[in-house]
N, C-alpha and C. Protein backbone atom coordinates (compact mmCIF):
# COMPACT_ATOMS: atom_id res chain seq x y z
N MET A 1 1.04 -14.53 -35.05
CA MET A 1 0.86 -14.88 -33.66
C MET A 1 1.92 -15.87 -33.22
N SER A 2 2.33 -15.84 -32.00
CA SER A 2 3.42 -16.69 -31.45
C SER A 2 2.92 -18.13 -31.34
N SER A 3 3.83 -19.07 -31.64
CA SER A 3 3.46 -20.44 -31.48
C SER A 3 4.02 -21.02 -30.16
N ARG A 4 4.51 -20.14 -29.36
CA ARG A 4 4.96 -20.64 -27.97
C ARG A 4 3.75 -21.00 -27.15
N PRO A 5 3.88 -21.99 -26.32
CA PRO A 5 2.76 -22.32 -25.40
C PRO A 5 2.62 -21.27 -24.42
N VAL A 6 1.32 -20.96 -24.10
CA VAL A 6 1.01 -19.86 -23.14
C VAL A 6 0.20 -20.51 -22.00
N LYS A 7 0.59 -20.16 -20.79
CA LYS A 7 -0.27 -20.58 -19.59
C LYS A 7 -0.66 -19.36 -18.80
N SER A 8 -1.73 -19.48 -18.22
CA SER A 8 -2.24 -18.30 -17.40
C SER A 8 -1.95 -18.54 -15.89
N VAL A 9 -1.76 -17.44 -15.20
CA VAL A 9 -1.61 -17.49 -13.72
C VAL A 9 -2.54 -16.48 -13.17
N THR A 10 -2.87 -16.70 -11.94
CA THR A 10 -3.76 -15.77 -11.22
C THR A 10 -2.94 -15.18 -10.12
N ILE A 11 -3.02 -13.87 -9.97
CA ILE A 11 -2.36 -13.18 -8.91
C ILE A 11 -3.32 -12.31 -8.08
N SER A 12 -2.93 -12.03 -6.89
CA SER A 12 -3.77 -11.11 -6.07
C SER A 12 -3.02 -9.78 -5.87
N LEU A 13 -3.71 -8.72 -6.05
CA LEU A 13 -3.09 -7.39 -5.92
C LEU A 13 -3.98 -6.54 -4.97
N PRO A 14 -3.40 -5.70 -4.18
CA PRO A 14 -4.23 -4.78 -3.45
C PRO A 14 -4.94 -3.83 -4.41
N ALA A 15 -6.12 -3.38 -4.02
CA ALA A 15 -6.97 -2.52 -4.93
C ALA A 15 -6.22 -1.44 -5.52
N GLU A 16 -5.41 -0.73 -4.62
CA GLU A 16 -4.73 0.46 -5.13
C GLU A 16 -3.69 0.07 -6.25
N MET A 17 -3.03 -1.07 -6.09
CA MET A 17 -2.04 -1.47 -7.03
C MET A 17 -2.76 -1.87 -8.38
N LEU A 18 -3.89 -2.48 -8.30
CA LEU A 18 -4.64 -2.81 -9.50
C LEU A 18 -5.15 -1.57 -10.22
N GLU A 19 -5.54 -0.63 -9.48
CA GLU A 19 -5.98 0.65 -10.03
C GLU A 19 -4.83 1.33 -10.77
N GLU A 20 -3.63 1.35 -10.16
CA GLU A 20 -2.49 1.94 -10.85
C GLU A 20 -2.11 1.10 -12.09
N LEU A 21 -2.16 -0.18 -12.03
CA LEU A 21 -1.88 -0.98 -13.13
C LEU A 21 -2.76 -0.65 -14.29
N ASP A 22 -4.08 -0.49 -14.03
CA ASP A 22 -5.09 -0.16 -15.04
C ASP A 22 -4.86 1.24 -15.65
N ARG A 23 -4.47 2.16 -14.78
CA ARG A 23 -4.10 3.55 -15.26
C ARG A 23 -2.89 3.44 -16.28
N LEU A 24 -1.93 2.67 -15.89
CA LEU A 24 -0.76 2.47 -16.78
C LEU A 24 -1.19 1.83 -18.08
N CYS A 25 -1.98 0.84 -18.04
CA CYS A 25 -2.50 0.17 -19.23
C CYS A 25 -3.22 1.11 -20.15
N GLU A 26 -4.04 1.98 -19.56
CA GLU A 26 -4.80 2.90 -20.41
C GLU A 26 -3.80 3.88 -21.03
N ARG A 27 -2.95 4.46 -20.16
CA ARG A 27 -1.98 5.46 -20.65
C ARG A 27 -1.07 4.92 -21.77
N GLU A 28 -0.63 3.68 -21.57
CA GLU A 28 0.32 3.08 -22.58
C GLU A 28 -0.40 2.30 -23.66
N HIS A 29 -1.66 2.13 -23.64
CA HIS A 29 -2.50 1.37 -24.62
C HIS A 29 -1.89 -0.09 -24.71
N ARG A 30 -1.73 -0.63 -23.50
CA ARG A 30 -1.19 -2.01 -23.46
C ARG A 30 -2.08 -2.79 -22.48
N SER A 31 -2.00 -4.14 -22.54
CA SER A 31 -2.84 -4.99 -21.70
C SER A 31 -2.07 -5.19 -20.36
N ARG A 32 -2.88 -5.65 -19.39
CA ARG A 32 -2.34 -5.99 -18.11
C ARG A 32 -1.13 -7.04 -18.26
N SER A 33 -1.43 -8.02 -19.06
CA SER A 33 -0.43 -9.10 -19.36
C SER A 33 0.84 -8.52 -19.97
N GLU A 34 0.74 -7.62 -20.86
CA GLU A 34 1.95 -7.03 -21.49
C GLU A 34 2.76 -6.33 -20.35
N LEU A 35 2.15 -5.48 -19.61
CA LEU A 35 2.87 -4.75 -18.59
C LEU A 35 3.49 -5.67 -17.50
N LEU A 36 2.71 -6.63 -17.07
CA LEU A 36 3.27 -7.57 -16.04
C LEU A 36 4.37 -8.46 -16.61
N ARG A 37 4.27 -8.85 -17.89
CA ARG A 37 5.37 -9.56 -18.47
C ARG A 37 6.62 -8.69 -18.54
N GLU A 38 6.49 -7.49 -18.90
CA GLU A 38 7.64 -6.53 -18.98
C GLU A 38 8.23 -6.42 -17.58
N ALA A 39 7.35 -6.23 -16.54
CA ALA A 39 7.84 -6.03 -15.18
C ALA A 39 8.63 -7.26 -14.79
N PHE A 40 8.11 -8.45 -15.07
CA PHE A 40 8.81 -9.68 -14.68
C PHE A 40 10.16 -9.70 -15.40
N ARG A 41 10.21 -9.45 -16.73
CA ARG A 41 11.52 -9.51 -17.42
C ARG A 41 12.49 -8.51 -16.77
N SER A 42 12.11 -7.34 -16.44
CA SER A 42 12.98 -6.41 -15.81
C SER A 42 13.46 -6.91 -14.47
N TYR A 43 12.62 -7.50 -13.63
CA TYR A 43 12.90 -8.05 -12.32
C TYR A 43 13.93 -9.21 -12.55
N ALA A 44 13.60 -10.11 -13.40
CA ALA A 44 14.40 -11.25 -13.60
C ALA A 44 15.78 -10.96 -14.18
N SER A 45 15.89 -9.92 -14.91
CA SER A 45 17.17 -9.57 -15.52
C SER A 45 18.11 -8.79 -14.58
N GLY A 46 17.52 -8.44 -13.43
CA GLY A 46 18.33 -7.70 -12.47
C GLY A 46 18.29 -6.22 -12.68
N GLU A 47 17.43 -5.79 -13.59
CA GLU A 47 17.32 -4.30 -13.90
C GLU A 47 16.90 -3.51 -12.70
N ARG A 48 16.17 -4.14 -11.87
CA ARG A 48 15.73 -3.48 -10.62
C ARG A 48 16.92 -2.97 -9.74
N MET A 49 17.98 -3.70 -9.79
CA MET A 49 19.13 -3.26 -9.00
C MET A 49 19.94 -2.12 -9.74
N GLN A 50 19.73 -1.99 -11.00
CA GLN A 50 20.50 -0.93 -11.67
C GLN A 50 19.83 0.40 -11.44
N ARG A 51 18.57 0.40 -11.12
CA ARG A 51 17.83 1.60 -10.97
C ARG A 51 17.98 2.20 -9.49
N ILE A 52 18.29 1.32 -8.54
CA ILE A 52 18.41 1.75 -7.16
C ILE A 52 19.87 1.59 -6.74
N PRO A 53 20.68 2.70 -6.88
CA PRO A 53 22.07 2.61 -6.50
C PRO A 53 22.23 2.27 -5.03
N VAL A 54 23.12 1.40 -4.65
CA VAL A 54 23.51 1.13 -3.33
C VAL A 54 24.74 1.81 -2.98
N VAL A 55 24.66 2.71 -1.94
CA VAL A 55 25.76 3.62 -1.62
C VAL A 55 26.01 3.51 -0.14
N ASP A 56 27.27 3.39 0.19
CA ASP A 56 27.55 3.34 1.65
C ASP A 56 27.32 4.76 2.23
N PRO A 57 26.80 4.88 3.40
CA PRO A 57 26.61 6.22 3.96
C PRO A 57 27.82 6.93 4.33
N GLU A 58 27.77 8.23 4.16
CA GLU A 58 28.87 9.07 4.56
C GLU A 58 28.94 9.19 6.08
N PRO A 59 30.03 9.46 6.66
CA PRO A 59 30.08 9.65 8.08
C PRO A 59 29.13 10.78 8.52
N GLY A 60 28.34 10.50 9.48
CA GLY A 60 27.39 11.50 10.05
C GLY A 60 25.94 11.37 9.44
N GLU A 61 25.86 10.48 8.36
CA GLU A 61 24.49 10.35 7.80
C GLU A 61 23.62 9.38 8.55
N LEU A 62 24.32 8.49 9.32
CA LEU A 62 23.54 7.59 10.10
C LEU A 62 23.46 8.15 11.57
N TYR A 63 22.41 7.79 12.27
CA TYR A 63 22.21 8.18 13.60
C TYR A 63 21.63 7.06 14.39
N GLU A 64 21.81 7.05 15.63
CA GLU A 64 21.21 6.10 16.53
C GLU A 64 20.07 6.64 17.25
N SER A 65 18.92 5.92 17.30
CA SER A 65 17.80 6.52 18.05
C SER A 65 17.99 6.21 19.54
N VAL A 66 17.60 7.21 20.31
CA VAL A 66 17.78 7.08 21.79
C VAL A 66 16.49 6.69 22.45
């Protein structure tokens, strides 16, 4: 077991998000804490930006609403 100090935090999630989290936990046989720690590490490392490429639009892809 890890000797690092552990602190708990409380978060609020919409019901649908909590249901999805619990489905993932069941599917991956992992705890909520494990999945949320992994999500935070991915977010903090900038991984989220690697998954969503930012591309300038080609001419004609943008339009103005009238």
